[in-house]
Amino acid sequence: MKGHWVGVTVDCHDVDLVAGFWSKLLDRDPGPSRPGWVYLGERGDTLPRLVFQPVPETKQLKNRVHLDILVDDIDAGMDQIRTLGGSFTGERHDYEAGVIVIAQDPEGNEFCLVQYYQ
């Protein structure tokens, strides 16, 4: 059997809020979705789709899996995340090759905002 990565699923208390944040941040429109869910993209797209599924509970602990989002300008990317309702953990890692900032979507799901210098 050969596996093929088709998507990432995010548990959400407010699916529309969280999916809207990611849709705007990634400039990716919703595709066909199950009722109450939101899918960004479709099966067969070049990029794996993001699936936002409703759950009754709110996020409790740190994510074990997260997305890395590449930007050309870390400061402009941080401004966009704040404008869209996201936030930052205060954690930043500066390396010779670039910078990584730990951000959160409106429900606190962590992800990395990354700018490479080379």
C-alpha atoms as a PDB file:
ATOM      1  CA  MET A   1       0.000   0.000   0.000  1.00  0.00           C
ATOM      2  CA  LYS A   2       1.214   3.475  -0.837  1.00  0.00           C
ATOM      3  CA  GLY A   3      -0.121   6.377   1.217  1.00  0.00           C
ATOM      4  CA  HIS A   4      -0.893   9.767  -0.279  1.00  0.00           C
ATOM      5  CA  TRP A   5      -1.341  12.911   1.807  1.00  0.00           C
ATOM      6  CA  VAL A   6      -4.731  14.445   0.962  1.00  0.00           C
ATOM      7  CA  GLY A   7      -5.416  16.831   3.822  1.00  0.00           C
ATOM      8  CA  VAL A   8      -5.177  18.043   7.375  1.00  0.00           C
ATOM      9  CA  THR A   9      -8.196  18.109   9.686  1.00  0.00           C
ATOM     10  CA  VAL A  10      -8.617  20.764  12.373  1.00  0.00           C
ATOM     11  CA  ASP A  11     -11.087  20.309  15.246  1.00  0.00           C
ATOM     12  CA  CYS A  12     -13.063  23.526  15.825  1.00  0.00           C
ATOM     13  CA  HIS A  13     -15.668  24.767  18.240  1.00  0.00           C
ATOM     14  CA  ASP A  14     -16.610  27.574  15.788  1.00  0.00           C
ATOM     15  CA  VAL A  15     -15.970  26.089  12.339  1.00  0.00           C
ATOM     16  CA  ASP A  16     -16.898  29.226  10.379  1.00  0.00           C
ATOM     17  CA  LEU A  17     -14.603  31.457  12.453  1.00  0.00           C
ATOM     18  CA  VAL A  18     -11.562  29.172  12.230  1.00  0.00           C
ATOM     19  CA  ALA A  19     -12.078  28.189   8.574  1.00  0.00           C
ATOM     20  CA  GLY A  20     -12.577  31.856   7.664  1.00  0.00           C
ATOM     21  CA  PHE A  21      -9.274  32.771   9.329  1.00  0.00           C
ATOM     22  CA  TRP A  22      -7.375  30.083   7.387  1.00  0.00           C
ATOM     23  CA  SER A  23      -9.202  30.841   4.128  1.00  0.00           C
ATOM     24  CA  LYS A  24      -8.101  34.477   4.258  1.00  0.00           C
ATOM     25  CA  LEU A  25      -4.596  33.760   5.547  1.00  0.00           C
ATOM     26  CA  LEU A  26      -3.904  31.206   2.806  1.00  0.00           C
ATOM     27  CA  ASP A  27      -6.062  32.870   0.111  1.00  0.00           C
ATOM     28  CA  ARG A  28      -7.834  29.565  -0.403  1.00  0.00           C
ATOM     29  CA  ASP A  29     -11.560  29.305  -1.071  1.00  0.00           C
ATOM     30  CA  PRO A  30     -13.861  26.710   0.484  1.00  0.00           C
ATOM     31  CA  GLY A  31     -14.775  23.722  -1.668  1.00  0.00           C
ATOM     32  CA  PRO A  32     -17.642  21.257  -1.419  1.00  0.00           C
ATOM     33  CA  SER A  33     -18.123  20.343   2.252  1.00  0.00           C
ATOM     34  CA  ARG A  34     -20.245  18.189   4.517  1.00  0.00           C
ATOM     35  CA  PRO A  35     -23.003  20.094   6.360  1.00  0.00           C
ATOM     36  CA  GLY A  36     -21.493  21.904   9.362  1.00  0.00           C
ATOM     37  CA  TRP A  37     -17.942  21.358   8.137  1.00  0.00           C
ATOM     38  CA  VAL A  38     -15.742  23.551   5.917  1.00  0.00           C
ATOM     39  CA  TYR A  39     -13.188  22.190   3.442  1.00  0.00           C
ATOM     40  CA  LEU A  40     -10.606  24.537   1.939  1.00  0.00           C
ATOM     41  CA  GLY A  41      -9.882  22.972  -1.423  1.00  0.00           C
ATOM     42  CA  GLU A  42     -11.091  19.701  -2.884  1.00  0.00           C
ATOM     43  CA  ARG A  43      -9.816  16.164  -3.177  1.00  0.00           C
ATOM     44  CA  GLY A  44      -7.493  16.047  -6.170  1.00  0.00           C
ATOM     45  CA  ASP A  45      -6.218  19.628  -5.764  1.00  0.00           C
ATOM     46  CA  THR A  46      -2.488  20.255  -6.091  1.00  0.00           C
ATOM     47  CA  LEU A  47      -2.343  21.229  -2.410  1.00  0.00           C
ATOM     48  CA  PRO A  48      -3.795  19.025   0.326  1.00  0.00           C
ATOM     49  CA  ARG A  49      -7.127  20.337   1.523  1.00  0.00           C
ATOM     50  CA  LEU A  50      -7.731  21.693   5.001  1.00  0.00           C
ATOM     51  CA  VAL A  51     -10.780  20.204   6.700  1.00  0.00           C
ATOM     52  CA  PHE A  52     -12.460  21.986   9.610  1.00  0.00           C
ATOM     53  CA  GLN A  53     -14.683  19.666  11.621  1.00  0.00           C
ATOM     54  CA  PRO A  54     -17.021  20.713  14.433  1.00  0.00           C
ATOM     55  CA  VAL A  55     -16.368  19.432  17.939  1.00  0.00           C
ATOM     56  CA  PRO A  56     -18.172  20.403  21.169  1.00  0.00           C
ATOM     57  CA  GLU A  57     -15.067  21.029  23.271  1.00  0.00           C
ATOM     58  CA  THR A  58     -12.556  23.875  23.071  1.00  0.00           C
ATOM     59  CA  LYS A  59      -8.824  23.305  22.601  1.00  0.00           C
ATOM     60  CA  GLN A  60      -7.100  22.200  25.821  1.00  0.00           C
ATOM     61  CA  LEU A  61      -3.423  21.413  25.161  1.00  0.00           C
ATOM     62  CA  LYS A  62      -0.608  22.159  22.703  1.00  0.00           C
ATOM     63  CA  ASN A  63      -1.046  20.791  19.175  1.00  0.00           C
ATOM     64  CA  ARG A  64       0.969  17.690  18.351  1.00  0.00           C
ATOM     65  CA  VAL A  65       0.847  18.494  14.611  1.00  0.00           C
ATOM     66  CA  HIS A  66       0.895  21.984  13.134  1.00  0.00           C
ATOM     67  CA  LEU A  67       1.216  23.825   9.829  1.00  0.00           C
ATOM     68  CA  ASP A  68       4.243  25.881   8.779  1.00  0.00           C
ATOM     69  CA  ILE A  69       3.173  28.945   6.773  1.00  0.00           C
ATOM     70  CA  LEU A  70       5.849  30.555   4.593  1.00  0.00           C
ATOM     71  CA  VAL A  71       5.770  34.353   4.184  1.00  0.00           C
ATOM     72  CA  ASP A  72       8.051  36.814   2.397  1.00  0.00           C
ATOM     73  CA  ASP A  73       7.974  39.310   5.290  1.00  0.00           C
ATOM     74  CA  ILE A  74       7.576  38.068   8.869  1.00  0.00           C
ATOM     75  CA  ASP A  75       6.354  41.448  10.183  1.00  0.00           C
ATOM     76  CA  ALA A  76       3.710  41.814   7.448  1.00  0.00           C
ATOM     77  CA  GLY A  77       2.646  38.214   8.093  1.00  0.00           C
ATOM     78  CA  MET A  78       2.293  38.895  11.814  1.00  0.00           C
ATOM     79  CA  ASP A  79       0.193  41.990  11.083  1.00  0.00           C
ATOM     80  CA  GLN A  80      -2.102  39.949   8.822  1.00  0.00           C
ATOM     81  CA  ILE A  81      -2.568  37.261  11.470  1.00  0.00           C
ATOM     82  CA  ARG A  82      -3.545  39.866  14.073  1.00  0.00           C
ATOM     83  CA  THR A  83      -5.946  41.528  11.599  1.00  0.00           C
ATOM     84  CA  LEU A  84      -7.608  38.166  10.939  1.00  0.00           C
ATOM     85  CA  GLY A  85      -8.119  37.505  14.662  1.00  0.00           C
ATOM     86  CA  GLY A  86      -5.079  35.339  15.328  1.00  0.00           C
ATOM     87  CA  SER A  87      -2.439  35.887  17.990  1.00  0.00           C
ATOM     88  CA  PHE A  88       1.118  35.019  18.981  1.00  0.00           C
ATOM     89  CA  THR A  89       2.558  32.925  21.780  1.00  0.00           C
ATOM     90  CA  GLY A  90       5.572  35.199  22.190  1.00  0.00           C
ATOM     91  CA  GLU A  91       7.848  32.409  21.022  1.00  0.00           C
ATOM     92  CA  ARG A  92      10.266  33.381  18.251  1.00  0.00           C
ATOM     93  CA  HIS A  93      13.297  31.561  16.901  1.00  0.00           C
ATOM     94  CA  ASP A  94      15.890  33.439  14.865  1.00  0.00           C
ATOM     95  CA  TYR A  95      18.283  31.331  12.814  1.00  0.00           C
ATOM     96  CA  GLU A  96      20.893  32.122  10.191  1.00  0.00           C
ATOM     97  CA  ALA A  97      18.543  30.748   7.515  1.00  0.00           C
ATOM     98  CA  GLY A  98      15.458  32.628   8.715  1.00  0.00           C
ATOM     99  CA  VAL A  99      12.948  33.211  11.485  1.00  0.00           C
ATOM    100  CA  ILE A 100      10.065  31.213  12.928  1.00  0.00           C
ATOM    101  CA  VAL A 101       7.291  32.748  15.013  1.00  0.00           C
ATOM    102  CA  ILE A 102       4.716  30.613  16.830  1.00  0.00           C
ATOM    103  CA  ALA A 103       1.212  31.905  16.098  1.00  0.00           C
ATOM    104  CA  GLN A 104      -2.342  30.839  16.935  1.00  0.00           C
ATOM    105  CA  ASP A 105      -5.596  30.906  14.991  1.00  0.00           C
ATOM    106  CA  PRO A 106      -8.706  32.398  16.702  1.00  0.00           C
ATOM    107  CA  GLU A 107      -9.284  29.175  18.721  1.00  0.00           C
ATOM    108  CA  GLY A 108      -5.658  28.841  19.818  1.00  0.00           C
ATOM    109  CA  ASN A 109      -4.465  26.197  17.346  1.00  0.00           C
ATOM    110  CA  GLU A 110      -0.729  26.758  17.014  1.00  0.00           C
ATOM    111  CA  PHE A 111       1.152  27.088  13.742  1.00  0.00           C
ATOM    112  CA  CYS A 112       4.512  28.448  12.634  1.00  0.00           C
ATOM    113  CA  LEU A 113       4.952  31.563  10.555  1.00  0.00           C
ATOM    114  CA  VAL A 114       8.251  31.149   8.696  1.00  0.00           C
ATOM    115  CA  GLN A 115      10.461  33.504   6.687  1.00  0.00           C
ATOM    116  CA  TYR A 116      13.579  32.136   5.036  1.00  0.00           C
ATOM    117  CA  TYR A 117      16.372  34.590   4.228  1.00  0.00           C
ATOM    118  CA  GLN A 118      17.978  32.476   1.518  1.00  0.00           C
END
